[in-house]
Amino acid sequence: MLKPIWDYGIQIWGCVKPSQIRTIQAFQSISLRLITSAPWYVSNLSLHKDLKIETVSKTAKNYYNNLHTKTANHTNPLISNLASEFMPNNPPCRLKRHWCHDLLNPDLH
């Protein structure tokens, strides 16, 4: 029920704090547990795998990768320039800051 709502802006979730993603992931896991009436000893990973439902972070990565490929091949040069893998002027990473383009390179974080 809420998945379409958080799917709407999930492409820009590369810059949110992990605690915010954990909150939505916890809600998704609780919902799956209630829907399936799973006992306490069944892990959330097992629920996701058995029901073939991706985690929130995996969904965010997939949506951002799709957005990135669509903008890279766009006919408008202003939109295709948005698909660069690096930030302009290459700003330094401070305070363990996450950027949306970090979802393209899982090795960075």
PDB file of N, CA and C in Angstrom:
ATOM      1  N   MET A   1       0.803  -1.183   0.000  1.00  0.00           N
ATOM      2  CA  MET A   1       0.000   0.000   0.000  1.00  0.00           C
ATOM      3  C   MET A   1       0.861   1.268   0.000  1.00  0.00           C
ATOM      4  N   LEU A   2       1.932   1.273   0.753  1.00  0.00           N
ATOM      5  CA  LEU A   2       2.791   2.451   0.802  1.00  0.00           C
ATOM      6  C   LEU A   2       3.925   2.413  -0.209  1.00  0.00           C
ATOM      7  N   LYS A   3       4.169   1.255  -0.797  1.00  0.00           N
ATOM      8  CA  LYS A   3       5.295   1.131  -1.721  1.00  0.00           C
ATOM      9  C   LYS A   3       5.221   2.114  -2.888  1.00  0.00           C
ATOM     10  N   PRO A   4       4.068   2.323  -3.523  1.00  0.00           N
ATOM     11  CA  PRO A   4       4.036   3.320  -4.603  1.00  0.00           C
ATOM     12  C   PRO A   4       4.385   4.726  -4.126  1.00  0.00           C
ATOM     13  N   ILE A   5       4.099   5.026  -2.873  1.00  0.00           N
ATOM     14  CA  ILE A   5       4.401   6.363  -2.347  1.00  0.00           C
ATOM     15  C   ILE A   5       5.897   6.541  -2.192  1.00  0.00           C
ATOM     16  N   TRP A   6       6.592   5.560  -1.590  1.00  0.00           N
ATOM     17  CA  TRP A   6       8.030   5.746  -1.420  1.00  0.00           C
ATOM     18  C   TRP A   6       8.811   5.387  -2.672  1.00  0.00           C
ATOM     19  N   ASP A   7       8.199   4.697  -3.615  1.00  0.00           N
ATOM     20  CA  ASP A   7       8.844   4.475  -4.913  1.00  0.00           C
ATOM     21  C   ASP A   7       8.903   5.755  -5.739  1.00  0.00           C
ATOM     22  N   TYR A   8       7.992   6.677  -5.475  1.00  0.00           N
ATOM     23  CA  TYR A   8       7.897   7.887  -6.282  1.00  0.00           C
ATOM     24  C   TYR A   8       9.195   8.691  -6.263  1.00  0.00           C
ATOM     25  N   GLY A   9       9.792   8.879  -5.117  1.00  0.00           N
ATOM     26  CA  GLY A   9      11.006   9.677  -5.036  1.00  0.00           C
ATOM     27  C   GLY A   9      12.238   8.885  -4.659  1.00  0.00           C
ATOM     28  N   ILE A  10      12.201   7.595  -4.877  1.00  0.00           N
ATOM     29  CA  ILE A  10      13.288   6.732  -4.411  1.00  0.00           C
ATOM     30  C   ILE A  10      14.597   6.954  -5.179  1.00  0.00           C
ATOM     31  N   GLN A  11      14.543   7.584  -6.348  1.00  0.00           N
ATOM     32  CA  GLN A  11      15.744   7.809  -7.139  1.00  0.00           C
ATOM     33  C   GLN A  11      16.732   8.723  -6.418  1.00  0.00           C
ATOM     34  N   ILE A  12      16.249   9.587  -5.570  1.00  0.00           N
ATOM     35  CA  ILE A  12      17.145  10.528  -4.885  1.00  0.00           C
ATOM     36  C   ILE A  12      17.489  10.078  -3.477  1.00  0.00           C
ATOM     37  N   TRP A  13      17.255   8.826  -3.175  1.00  0.00           N
ATOM     38  CA  TRP A  13      17.527   8.319  -1.836  1.00  0.00           C
ATOM     39  C   TRP A  13      18.980   7.976  -1.592  1.00  0.00           C
ATOM     40  N   GLY A  14      19.845   8.218  -2.541  1.00  0.00           N
ATOM     41  CA  GLY A  14      21.250   7.914  -2.329  1.00  0.00           C
ATOM     42  C   GLY A  14      21.891   8.825  -1.307  1.00  0.00           C
ATOM     43  N   CYS A  15      21.241   9.950  -1.018  1.00  0.00           N
ATOM     44  CA  CYS A  15      21.828  10.923  -0.103  1.00  0.00           C
ATOM     45  C   CYS A  15      21.193  10.904   1.282  1.00  0.00           C
ATOM     46  N   VAL A  16      20.282   9.993   1.558  1.00  0.00           N
ATOM     47  CA  VAL A  16      19.657   9.961   2.876  1.00  0.00           C
ATOM     48  C   VAL A  16      20.517   9.158   3.845  1.00  0.00           C
ATOM     49  N   LYS A  17      20.285   9.410   5.094  1.00  0.00           N
ATOM     50  CA  LYS A  17      21.021   8.699   6.135  1.00  0.00           C
ATOM     51  C   LYS A  17      20.545   7.248   6.219  1.00  0.00           C
ATOM     52  N   PRO A  18      21.437   6.336   6.586  1.00  0.00           N
ATOM     53  CA  PRO A  18      21.036   4.926   6.712  1.00  0.00           C
ATOM     54  C   PRO A  18      19.914   4.714   7.723  1.00  0.00           C
ATOM     55  N   SER A  19      19.825   5.553   8.746  1.00  0.00           N
ATOM     56  CA  SER A  19      18.757   5.393   9.741  1.00  0.00           C
ATOM     57  C   SER A  19      17.387   5.632   9.119  1.00  0.00           C
ATOM     58  N   GLN A  20      17.304   6.519   8.143  1.00  0.00           N
ATOM     59  CA  GLN A  20      16.023   6.767   7.480  1.00  0.00           C
ATOM     60  C   GLN A  20      15.619   5.583   6.612  1.00  0.00           C
ATOM     61  N   ILE A  21      16.586   4.974   5.962  1.00  0.00           N
ATOM     62  CA  ILE A  21      16.289   3.783   5.156  1.00  0.00           C
ATOM     63  C   ILE A  21      15.909   2.621   6.065  1.00  0.00           C
ATOM     64  N   ARG A  22      16.581   2.499   7.211  1.00  0.00           N
ATOM     65  CA  ARG A  22      16.260   1.422   8.149  1.00  0.00           C
ATOM     66  C   ARG A  22      14.829   1.543   8.665  1.00  0.00           C
ATOM     67  N   THR A  23      14.345   2.773   8.853  1.00  0.00           N
ATOM     68  CA  THR A  23      12.977   2.974   9.329  1.00  0.00           C
ATOM     69  C   THR A  23      11.972   2.436   8.322  1.00  0.00           C
ATOM     70  N   ILE A  24      12.168   2.738   7.054  1.00  0.00           N
ATOM     71  CA  ILE A  24      11.251   2.259   6.023  1.00  0.00           C
ATOM     72  C   ILE A  24      11.400   0.754   5.837  1.00  0.00           C
ATOM     73  N   GLN A  25      12.642   0.250   5.943  1.00  0.00           N
ATOM     74  CA  GLN A  25      12.872  -1.185   5.821  1.00  0.00           C
ATOM     75  C   GLN A  25      12.204  -1.934   6.973  1.00  0.00           C
ATOM     76  N   ALA A  26      12.259  -1.369   8.172  1.00  0.00           N
ATOM     77  CA  ALA A  26      11.611  -1.999   9.319  1.00  0.00           C
ATOM     78  C   ALA A  26      10.100  -2.057   9.120  1.00  0.00           C
ATOM     79  N   PHE A  27       9.521  -0.973   8.598  1.00  0.00           N
ATOM     80  CA  PHE A  27       8.092  -0.978   8.333  1.00  0.00           C
ATOM     81  C   PHE A  27       7.721  -2.030   7.291  1.00  0.00           C
ATOM     82  N   GLN A  28       8.549  -2.155   6.256  1.00  0.00           N
ATOM     83  CA  GLN A  28       8.286  -3.157   5.226  1.00  0.00           C
ATOM     84  C   GLN A  28       8.379  -4.567   5.819  1.00  0.00           C
ATOM     85  N   SER A  29       9.379  -4.815   6.643  1.00  0.00           N
ATOM     86  CA  SER A  29       9.548  -6.142   7.239  1.00  0.00           C
ATOM     87  C   SER A  29       8.407  -6.475   8.198  1.00  0.00           C
ATOM     88  N   ILE A  30       7.970  -5.488   8.984  1.00  0.00           N
ATOM     89  CA  ILE A  30       6.851  -5.712   9.907  1.00  0.00           C
ATOM     90  C   ILE A  30       5.584  -6.011   9.116  1.00  0.00           C
ATOM     91  N   SER A  31       5.382  -5.276   8.023  1.00  0.00           N
ATOM     92  CA  SER A  31       4.191  -5.504   7.194  1.00  0.00           C
ATOM     93  C   SER A  31       4.205  -6.907   6.589  1.00  0.00           C
ATOM     94  N   LEU A  32       5.359  -7.322   6.082  1.00  0.00           N
ATOM     95  CA  LEU A  32       5.461  -8.671   5.510  1.00  0.00           C
ATOM     96  C   LEU A  32       5.209  -9.738   6.565  1.00  0.00           C
ATOM     97  N   ARG A  33       5.725  -9.503   7.763  1.00  0.00           N
ATOM     98  CA  ARG A  33       5.542 -10.461   8.853  1.00  0.00           C
ATOM     99  C   ARG A  33       4.065 -10.572   9.239  1.00  0.00           C
ATOM    100  N   LEU A  34       3.364  -9.426   9.269  1.00  0.00           N
ATOM    101  CA  LEU A  34       1.938  -9.456   9.608  1.00  0.00           C
ATOM    102  C   LEU A  34       1.101 -10.102   8.507  1.00  0.00           C
ATOM    103  N   ILE A  35       1.436  -9.814   7.257  1.00  0.00           N
ATOM    104  CA  ILE A  35       0.679 -10.367   6.135  1.00  0.00           C
ATOM    105  C   ILE A  35       0.807 -11.888   6.082  1.00  0.00           C
ATOM    106  N   THR A  36       2.013 -12.387   6.323  1.00  0.00           N
ATOM    107  CA  THR A  36       2.248 -13.827   6.206  1.00  0.00           C
ATOM    108  C   THR A  36       2.040 -14.584   7.517  1.00  0.00           C
ATOM    109  N   SER A  37       1.815 -13.871   8.611  1.00  0.00           N
ATOM    110  CA  SER A  37       1.697 -14.490   9.948  1.00  0.00           C
ATOM    111  C   SER A  37       2.926 -15.331  10.268  1.00  0.00           C
ATOM    112  N   ALA A  38       4.091 -14.802   9.918  1.00  0.00           N
ATOM    113  CA  ALA A  38       5.337 -15.528  10.147  1.00  0.00           C
ATOM    114  C   ALA A  38       5.692 -15.511  11.633  1.00  0.00           C
ATOM    115  N   PRO A  39       6.203 -16.618  12.159  1.00  0.00           N
ATOM    116  CA  PRO A  39       6.615 -16.641  13.564  1.00  0.00           C
ATOM    117  C   PRO A  39       7.884 -15.825  13.777  1.00  0.00           C
ATOM    118  N   TRP A  40       8.209 -15.589  15.030  1.00  0.00           N
ATOM    119  CA  TRP A  40       9.320 -14.705  15.381  1.00  0.00           C
ATOM    120  C   TRP A  40      10.665 -15.238  14.919  1.00  0.00           C
ATOM    121  N   TYR A  41      10.822 -16.542  14.773  1.00  0.00           N
ATOM    122  CA  TYR A  41      12.124 -17.113  14.438  1.00  0.00           C
ATOM    123  C   TYR A  41      12.430 -17.103  12.941  1.00  0.00           C
ATOM    124  N   VAL A  42      11.494 -16.677  12.097  1.00  0.00           N
ATOM    125  CA  VAL A  42      11.747 -16.552  10.664  1.00  0.00           C
ATOM    126  C   VAL A  42      12.407 -15.198  10.423  1.00  0.00           C
ATOM    127  N   SER A  43      13.563 -15.218   9.790  1.00  0.00           N
ATOM    128  CA  SER A  43      14.303 -13.967   9.597  1.00  0.00           C
ATOM    129  C   SER A  43      13.656 -13.102   8.515  1.00  0.00           C
ATOM    130  N   ASN A  44      13.944 -11.813   8.586  1.00  0.00           N
ATOM    131  CA  ASN A  44      13.433 -10.888   7.578  1.00  0.00           C
ATOM    132  C   ASN A  44      14.019 -11.201   6.203  1.00  0.00           C
ATOM    133  N   LEU A  45      15.269 -11.612   6.177  1.00  0.00           N
ATOM    134  CA  LEU A  45      15.903 -11.981   4.913  1.00  0.00           C
ATOM    135  C   LEU A  45      15.172 -13.158   4.264  1.00  0.00           C
ATOM    136  N   SER A  46      14.790 -14.133   5.072  1.00  0.00           N
ATOM    137  CA  SER A  46      14.042 -15.279   4.551  1.00  0.00           C
ATOM    138  C   SER A  46      12.678 -14.844   4.016  1.00  0.00           C
ATOM    139  N   LEU A  47      12.025 -13.930   4.726  1.00  0.00           N
ATOM    140  CA  LEU A  47      10.732 -13.434   4.255  1.00  0.00           C
ATOM    141  C   LEU A  47      10.865 -12.752   2.899  1.00  0.00           C
ATOM    142  N   HIS A  48      11.865 -11.897   2.783  1.00  0.00           N
ATOM    143  CA  HIS A  48      12.057 -11.186   1.516  1.00  0.00           C
ATOM    144  C   HIS A  48      12.402 -12.147   0.383  1.00  0.00           C
ATOM    145  N   LYS A  49      13.234 -13.129   0.695  1.00  0.00           N
ATOM    146  CA  LYS A  49      13.646 -14.068  -0.348  1.00  0.00           C
ATOM    147  C   LYS A  49      12.499 -14.984  -0.759  1.00  0.00           C
ATOM    148  N   ASP A  50      11.750 -15.478   0.204  1.00  0.00           N
ATOM    149  CA  ASP A  50      10.640 -16.383  -0.113  1.00  0.00           C
ATOM    150  C   ASP A  50       9.504 -15.676  -0.855  1.00  0.00           C
ATOM    151  N   LEU A  51       9.253 -14.428  -0.491  1.00  0.00           N
ATOM    152  CA  LEU A  51       8.175 -13.677  -1.143  1.00  0.00           C
ATOM    153  C   LEU A  51       8.643 -12.953  -2.402  1.00  0.00           C
ATOM    154  N   LYS A  52       9.942 -13.033  -2.668  1.00  0.00           N
ATOM    155  CA  LYS A  52      10.553 -12.380  -3.837  1.00  0.00           C
ATOM    156  C   LYS A  52      10.273 -10.873  -3.851  1.00  0.00           C
ATOM    157  N   ILE A  53      10.500 -10.266  -2.692  1.00  0.00           N
ATOM    158  CA  ILE A  53      10.340  -8.821  -2.541  1.00  0.00           C
ATOM    159  C   ILE A  53      11.715  -8.256  -2.190  1.00  0.00           C
ATOM    160  N   GLU A  54      12.129  -7.244  -2.945  1.00  0.00           N
ATOM    161  CA  GLU A  54      13.448  -6.647  -2.719  1.00  0.00           C
ATOM    162  C   GLU A  54      13.432  -5.754  -1.483  1.00  0.00           C
ATOM    163  N   THR A  55      14.606  -5.597  -0.894  1.00  0.00           N
ATOM    164  CA  THR A  55      14.730  -4.679   0.227  1.00  0.00           C
ATOM    165  C   THR A  55      14.659  -3.244  -0.284  1.00  0.00           C
ATOM    166  N   VAL A  56      14.528  -2.314   0.634  1.00  0.00           N
ATOM    167  CA  VAL A  56      14.390  -0.910   0.265  1.00  0.00           C
ATOM    168  C   VAL A  56      15.657  -0.398  -0.411  1.00  0.00           C
ATOM    169  N   SER A  57      16.815  -0.741   0.116  1.00  0.00           N
ATOM    170  CA  SER A  57      18.061  -0.252  -0.479  1.00  0.00           C
ATOM    171  C   SER A  57      18.286  -0.846  -1.874  1.00  0.00           C
ATOM    172  N   LYS A  58      17.941  -2.095  -2.070  1.00  0.00           N
ATOM    173  CA  LYS A  58      18.069  -2.717  -3.397  1.00  0.00           C
ATOM    174  C   LYS A  58      17.103  -2.071  -4.390  1.00  0.00           C
ATOM    175  N   THR A  59      15.896  -1.761  -3.948  1.00  0.00           N
ATOM    176  CA  THR A  59      14.925  -1.090  -4.800  1.00  0.00           C
ATOM    177  C   THR A  59      15.422   0.297  -5.187  1.00  0.00           C
ATOM    178  N   ALA A  60      16.009   1.015  -4.228  1.00  0.00           N
ATOM    179  CA  ALA A  60      16.540   2.353  -4.509  1.00  0.00           C
ATOM    180  C   ALA A  60      17.649   2.284  -5.546  1.00  0.00           C
ATOM    181  N   LYS A  61      18.529   1.295  -5.427  1.00  0.00           N
ATOM    182  CA  LYS A  61      19.614   1.139  -6.399  1.00  0.00           C
ATOM    183  C   LYS A  61      19.077   0.837  -7.791  1.00  0.00           C
ATOM    184  N   ASN A  62      18.094  -0.038  -7.870  1.00  0.00           N
ATOM    185  CA  ASN A  62      17.527  -0.383  -9.172  1.00  0.00           C
ATOM    186  C   ASN A  62      16.849   0.817  -9.827  1.00  0.00           C
ATOM    187  N   TYR A  63      16.070   1.548  -9.060  1.00  0.00           N
ATOM    188  CA  TYR A  63      15.382   2.715  -9.613  1.00  0.00           C
ATOM    189  C   TYR A  63      16.379   3.780 -10.057  1.00  0.00           C
ATOM    190  N   TYR A  64      17.435   3.999  -9.258  1.00  0.00           N
ATOM    191  CA  TYR A  64      18.419   5.016  -9.643  1.00  0.00           C
ATOM    192  C   TYR A  64      19.194   4.591 -10.881  1.00  0.00           C
ATOM    193  N   ASN A  65      19.535   3.316 -10.978  1.00  0.00           N
ATOM    194  CA  ASN A  65      20.226   2.832 -12.182  1.00  0.00           C
ATOM    195  C   ASN A  65      19.356   2.994 -13.419  1.00  0.00           C
ATOM    196  N   ASN A  66      18.056   2.714 -13.287  1.00  0.00           N
ATOM    197  CA  ASN A  66      17.144   2.915 -14.421  1.00  0.00           C
ATOM    198  C   ASN A  66      17.063   4.387 -14.797  1.00  0.00           C
ATOM    199  N   LEU A  67      16.956   5.261 -13.810  1.00  0.00           N
ATOM    200  CA  LEU A  67      16.916   6.698 -14.084  1.00  0.00           C
ATOM    201  C   LEU A  67      18.196   7.158 -14.763  1.00  0.00           C
ATOM    202  N   HIS A  68      19.332   6.653 -14.299  1.00  0.00           N
ATOM    203  CA  HIS A  68      20.626   7.051 -14.837  1.00  0.00           C
ATOM    204  C   HIS A  68      20.759   6.619 -16.300  1.00  0.00           C
ATOM    205  N   THR A  69      20.335   5.415 -16.627  1.00  0.00           N
ATOM    206  CA  THR A  69      20.453   4.959 -18.014  1.00  0.00           C
ATOM    207  C   THR A  69      19.488   5.725 -18.931  1.00  0.00           C
ATOM    208  N   LYS A  70      18.307   6.070 -18.422  1.00  0.00           N
ATOM    209  CA  LYS A  70      17.364   6.841 -19.233  1.00  0.00           C
ATOM    210  C   LYS A  70      17.879   8.246 -19.500  1.00  0.00           C
ATOM    211  N   THR A  71      18.486   8.877 -18.492  1.00  0.00           N
ATOM    212  CA  THR A  71      18.985  10.240 -18.700  1.00  0.00           C
ATOM    213  C   THR A  71      20.254  10.242 -19.535  1.00  0.00           C
ATOM    214  N   ALA A  72      21.056   9.192 -19.469  1.00  0.00           N
ATOM    215  CA  ALA A  72      22.290   9.140 -20.260  1.00  0.00           C
ATOM    216  C   ALA A  72      22.002   9.062 -21.748  1.00  0.00           C
ATOM    217  N   ASN A  73      20.921   8.414 -22.126  1.00  0.00           N
ATOM    218  CA  ASN A  73      20.580   8.239 -23.533  1.00  0.00           C
ATOM    219  C   ASN A  73      19.523   9.229 -24.018  1.00  0.00           C
ATOM    220  N   HIS A  74      19.285  10.272 -23.247  1.00  0.00           N
ATOM    221  CA  HIS A  74      18.230  11.223 -23.610  1.00  0.00           C
ATOM    222  C   HIS A  74      18.686  12.118 -24.762  1.00  0.00           C
ATOM    223  N   THR A  75      17.730  12.542 -25.604  1.00  0.00           N
ATOM    224  CA  THR A  75      18.064  13.379 -26.765  1.00  0.00           C
ATOM    225  C   THR A  75      18.399  14.815 -26.369  1.00  0.00           C
ATOM    226  N   ASN A  76      17.872  15.291 -25.258  1.00  0.00           N
ATOM    227  CA  ASN A  76      18.166  16.637 -24.785  1.00  0.00           C
ATOM    228  C   ASN A  76      19.542  16.649 -24.126  1.00  0.00           C
ATOM    229  N   PRO A  77      20.493  17.478 -24.607  1.00  0.00           N
ATOM    230  CA  PRO A  77      21.841  17.455 -24.023  1.00  0.00           C
ATOM    231  C   PRO A  77      21.881  17.922 -22.571  1.00  0.00           C
ATOM    232  N   LEU A  78      20.959  18.784 -22.161  1.00  0.00           N
ATOM    233  CA  LEU A  78      20.947  19.226 -20.765  1.00  0.00           C
ATOM    234  C   LEU A  78      20.581  18.077 -19.826  1.00  0.00           C
ATOM    235  N   ILE A  79      19.660  17.246 -20.263  1.00  0.00           N
ATOM    236  CA  ILE A  79      19.271  16.101 -19.443  1.00  0.00           C
ATOM    237  C   ILE A  79      20.338  15.015 -19.495  1.00  0.00           C
ATOM    238  N   SER A  80      20.948  14.805 -20.650  1.00  0.00           N
ATOM    239  CA  SER A  80      21.981  13.765 -20.737  1.00  0.00           C
ATOM    240  C   SER A  80      23.218  14.145 -19.926  1.00  0.00           C
ATOM    241  N   ASN A  81      23.471  15.438 -19.724  1.00  0.00           N
ATOM    242  CA  ASN A  81      24.598  15.855 -18.878  1.00  0.00           C
ATOM    243  C   ASN A  81      24.348  15.570 -17.407  1.00  0.00           C
ATOM    244  N   LEU A  82      23.096  15.404 -17.015  1.00  0.00           N
ATOM    245  CA  LEU A  82      22.779  15.067 -15.624  1.00  0.00           C
ATOM    246  C   LEU A  82      23.222  13.649 -15.261  1.00  0.00           C
ATOM    247  N   ALA A  83      23.496  12.840 -16.254  1.00  0.00           N
ATOM    248  CA  ALA A  83      23.817  11.443 -16.017  1.00  0.00           C
ATOM    249  C   ALA A  83      25.294  11.204 -15.750  1.00  0.00           C
ATOM    250  N   SER A  84      26.053  12.234 -15.432  1.00  0.00           N
ATOM    251  CA  SER A  84      27.470  12.024 -15.155  1.00  0.00           C
ATOM    252  C   SER A  84      27.629  11.227 -13.862  1.00  0.00           C
ATOM    253  N   GLU A  85      28.645  10.403 -13.813  1.00  0.00           N
ATOM    254  CA  GLU A  85      28.861   9.569 -12.634  1.00  0.00           C
ATOM    255  C   GLU A  85      29.584  10.319 -11.527  1.00  0.00           C
ATOM    256  N   PHE A  86      30.096  11.485 -11.807  1.00  0.00           N
ATOM    257  CA  PHE A  86      30.854  12.229 -10.820  1.00  0.00           C
ATOM    258  C   PHE A  86      30.229  13.598 -10.621  1.00  0.00           C
ATOM    259  N   MET A  87      30.361  14.125  -9.446  1.00  0.00           N
ATOM    260  CA  MET A  87      29.840  15.447  -9.138  1.00  0.00           C
ATOM    261  C   MET A  87      30.704  16.503  -9.815  1.00  0.00           C
ATOM    262  N   PRO A  88      30.113  17.625 -10.246  1.00  0.00           N
ATOM    263  CA  PRO A  88      30.908  18.704 -10.833  1.00  0.00           C
ATOM    264  C   PRO A  88      31.915  19.239  -9.819  1.00  0.00           C
ATOM    265  N   ASN A  89      33.089  19.540 -10.284  1.00  0.00           N
ATOM    266  CA  ASN A  89      34.190  20.051  -9.455  1.00  0.00           C
ATOM    267  C   ASN A  89      34.649  19.054  -8.404  1.00  0.00           C
ATOM    268  N   ASN A  90      34.136  17.828  -8.438  1.00  0.00           N
ATOM    269  CA  ASN A  90      34.530  16.743  -7.547  1.00  0.00           C
ATOM    270  C   ASN A  90      34.665  17.204  -6.098  1.00  0.00           C
ATOM    271  N   PRO A  91      33.542  17.533  -5.413  1.00  0.00           N
ATOM    272  CA  PRO A  91      33.623  18.006  -4.030  1.00  0.00           C
ATOM    273  C   PRO A  91      34.131  16.905  -3.106  1.00  0.00           C
ATOM    274  N   PRO A  92      34.858  17.273  -2.058  1.00  0.00           N
ATOM    275  CA  PRO A  92      35.362  16.258  -1.138  1.00  0.00           C
ATOM    276  C   PRO A  92      34.222  15.649  -0.322  1.00  0.00           C
ATOM    277  N   CYS A  93      34.368  14.369  -0.005  1.00  0.00           N
ATOM    278  CA  CYS A  93      33.379  13.699   0.838  1.00  0.00           C
ATOM    279  C   CYS A  93      33.717  13.997   2.292  1.00  0.00           C
ATOM    280  N   ARG A  94      32.816  14.681   2.953  1.00  0.00           N
ATOM    281  CA  ARG A  94      33.003  15.000   4.361  1.00  0.00           C
ATOM    282  C   ARG A  94      31.849  14.415   5.159  1.00  0.00           C
ATOM    283  N   LEU A  95      32.121  14.090   6.380  1.00  0.00           N
ATOM    284  CA  LEU A  95      31.099  13.601   7.294  1.00  0.00           C
ATOM    285  C   LEU A  95      30.371  12.374   6.773  1.00  0.00           C
ATOM    286  N   LYS A  96      31.080  11.532   6.052  1.00  0.00           N
ATOM    287  CA  LYS A  96      30.519  10.299   5.508  1.00  0.00           C
ATOM    288  C   LYS A  96      29.264  10.583   4.694  1.00  0.00           C
ATOM    289  N   ARG A  97      29.285  11.669   3.943  1.00  0.00           N
ATOM    290  CA  ARG A  97      28.125  12.081   3.160  1.00  0.00           C
ATOM    291  C   ARG A  97      27.913  11.134   1.993  1.00  0.00           C
ATOM    292  N   HIS A  98      26.659  10.830   1.716  1.00  0.00           N
ATOM    293  CA  HIS A  98      26.299   9.968   0.602  1.00  0.00           C
ATOM    294  C   HIS A  98      25.690  10.814  -0.502  1.00  0.00           C
ATOM    295  N   TRP A  99      25.990  10.462  -1.727  1.00  0.00           N
ATOM    296  CA  TRP A  99      25.427  11.133  -2.889  1.00  0.00           C
ATOM    297  C   TRP A  99      24.603  10.131  -3.670  1.00  0.00           C
ATOM    298  N   CYS A 100      23.667  10.637  -4.475  1.00  0.00           N
ATOM    299  CA  CYS A 100      22.820   9.740  -5.267  1.00  0.00           C
ATOM    300  C   CYS A 100      23.648   8.888  -6.223  1.00  0.00           C
ATOM    301  N   HIS A 101      24.707   9.470  -6.787  1.00  0.00           N
ATOM    302  CA  HIS A 101      25.509   8.710  -7.749  1.00  0.00           C
ATOM    303  C   HIS A 101      26.304   7.592  -7.085  1.00  0.00           C
ATOM    304  N   ASP A 102      26.356   7.564  -5.748  1.00  0.00           N
ATOM    305  CA  ASP A 102      27.021   6.459  -5.053  1.00  0.00           C
ATOM    306  C   ASP A 102      26.269   5.144  -5.251  1.00  0.00           C
ATOM    307  N   LEU A 103      24.987   5.210  -5.614  1.00  0.00           N
ATOM    308  CA  LEU A 103      24.227   3.991  -5.866  1.00  0.00           C
ATOM    309  C   LEU A 103      24.705   3.265  -7.109  1.00  0.00           C
ATOM    310  N   LEU A 104      25.399   3.999  -8.015  1.00  0.00           N
ATOM    311  CA  LEU A 104      25.922   3.367  -9.220  1.00  0.00           C
ATOM    312  C   LEU A 104      27.162   2.549  -8.920  1.00  0.00           C
ATOM    313  N   ASN A 105      27.960   2.984  -7.961  1.00  0.00           N
ATOM    314  CA  ASN A 105      29.208   2.308  -7.603  1.00  0.00           C
ATOM    315  C   ASN A 105      29.103   1.752  -6.191  1.00  0.00           C
ATOM    316  N   PRO A 106      28.679   0.492  -6.038  1.00  0.00           N
ATOM    317  CA  PRO A 106      28.537  -0.053  -4.696  1.00  0.00           C
ATOM    318  C   PRO A 106      29.852  -0.232  -3.971  1.00  0.00           C
ATOM    319  N   ASP A 107      30.976  -0.127  -4.672  1.00  0.00           N
ATOM    320  CA  ASP A 107      32.279  -0.304  -4.021  1.00  0.00           C
ATOM    321  C   ASP A 107      32.647   0.896  -3.164  1.00  0.00           C
ATOM    322  N   LEU A 108      32.049   2.039  -3.413  1.00  0.00           N
ATOM    323  CA  LEU A 108      32.411   3.250  -2.691  1.00  0.00           C
ATOM    324  C   LEU A 108      31.936   3.219  -1.248  1.00  0.00           C
ATOM    325  N   HIS A 109      30.797   2.614  -0.969  1.00  0.00           N
ATOM    326  CA  HIS A 109      30.263   2.614   0.406  1.00  0.00           C
ATOM    327  C   HIS A 109      29.880   1.238   0.820  1.00  0.00           C
TER     328      HIS A 109
END
